[in-house]
N, C-alpha and C. Protein backbone atom coordinates (compact mmCIF):
# COMPACT_ATOMS: atom_id res chain seq x y z
N MET A 1 0.88 -1.09 -0.04
CA MET A 1 -0.04 0.02 0.05
C MET A 1 0.90 1.36 -0.05
N ILE A 2 0.42 2.20 -0.52
CA ILE A 2 1.12 3.52 -0.62
C ILE A 2 1.35 4.13 0.93
N THR A 3 0.24 3.91 1.45
CA THR A 3 0.28 4.54 3.17
C THR A 3 1.47 3.94 3.83
N THR A 4 1.64 2.64 3.74
CA THR A 4 2.86 2.04 4.24
C THR A 4 4.29 2.60 3.81
N GLU A 5 4.30 2.90 2.56
CA GLU A 5 5.65 3.42 2.08
C GLU A 5 5.76 5.02 2.53
N ILE A 6 4.58 5.65 2.58
CA ILE A 6 4.87 6.99 3.21
C ILE A 6 5.08 6.93 4.76
N LEU A 7 4.53 5.98 5.39
CA LEU A 7 4.97 5.93 6.84
C LEU A 7 6.44 5.67 6.96
N GLN A 8 7.01 4.70 6.17
CA GLN A 8 8.51 4.25 6.27
C GLN A 8 9.13 5.39 5.97
N GLN A 9 8.74 6.14 4.96
CA GLN A 9 9.56 7.40 4.47
C GLN A 9 9.59 8.48 5.54
N SER A 10 8.38 8.70 5.87
CA SER A 10 8.16 9.87 6.79
C SER A 10 8.09 9.50 8.38
N GLN A 11 8.91 9.91 9.06
CA GLN A 11 8.93 9.67 10.71
C GLN A 11 7.60 9.87 11.35
N PRO A 12 7.02 11.19 11.13
CA PRO A 12 5.81 11.44 11.66
C PRO A 12 4.68 10.83 10.90
N ALA A 13 3.84 10.05 11.73
CA ALA A 13 2.62 9.36 11.14
C ALA A 13 1.52 10.12 10.99
N TYR A 14 1.87 11.54 11.31
CA TYR A 14 0.70 12.53 10.90
C TYR A 14 0.24 12.66 9.43
N LEU A 15 1.35 12.54 8.71
CA LEU A 15 1.25 12.59 7.19
C LEU A 15 0.39 11.53 6.90
N THR A 16 0.69 10.29 7.43
CA THR A 16 0.02 9.06 6.89
C THR A 16 -1.48 9.24 7.26
N LEU A 17 -1.69 9.67 8.50
CA LEU A 17 -3.10 9.85 9.04
C LEU A 17 -3.91 10.72 8.11
N VAL A 18 -3.33 11.94 7.89
CA VAL A 18 -3.97 12.88 7.05
C VAL A 18 -4.32 12.14 5.57
N TYR A 19 -3.40 11.51 5.07
CA TYR A 19 -3.58 11.00 3.77
C TYR A 19 -4.59 9.73 3.72
N CYS A 20 -4.63 9.01 4.85
CA CYS A 20 -5.67 7.97 4.95
C CYS A 20 -7.06 8.62 5.15
N ARG A 21 -7.19 9.78 5.85
CA ARG A 21 -8.36 10.17 6.04
C ARG A 21 -8.82 10.86 4.65
N TYR A 22 -8.02 11.49 3.80
CA TYR A 22 -8.27 12.03 2.75
C TYR A 22 -8.93 11.20 1.76
N VAL A 23 -8.15 9.75 1.63
CA VAL A 23 -8.56 8.90 0.79
C VAL A 23 -10.10 8.30 1.23
N ILE A 24 -10.13 8.27 2.40
CA ILE A 24 -11.50 7.67 3.00
C ILE A 24 -12.69 8.53 2.58
N LYS A 25 -12.24 9.90 2.83
CA LYS A 25 -13.35 10.86 2.60
C LYS A 25 -13.79 10.84 1.02
N ILE A 26 -12.84 10.34 0.18
CA ILE A 26 -13.19 10.54 -1.28
C ILE A 26 -14.22 9.33 -1.56
C-alpha cells in the first residue's frame, strides 16, 4: 500500500493519517 511506504519514509505518522483520512473521505 502507498500508505505504508509514506509511513516508512516519513517519521511522523501525522502525514500518513491525513492521507488515509483524505482517501477515506473521497
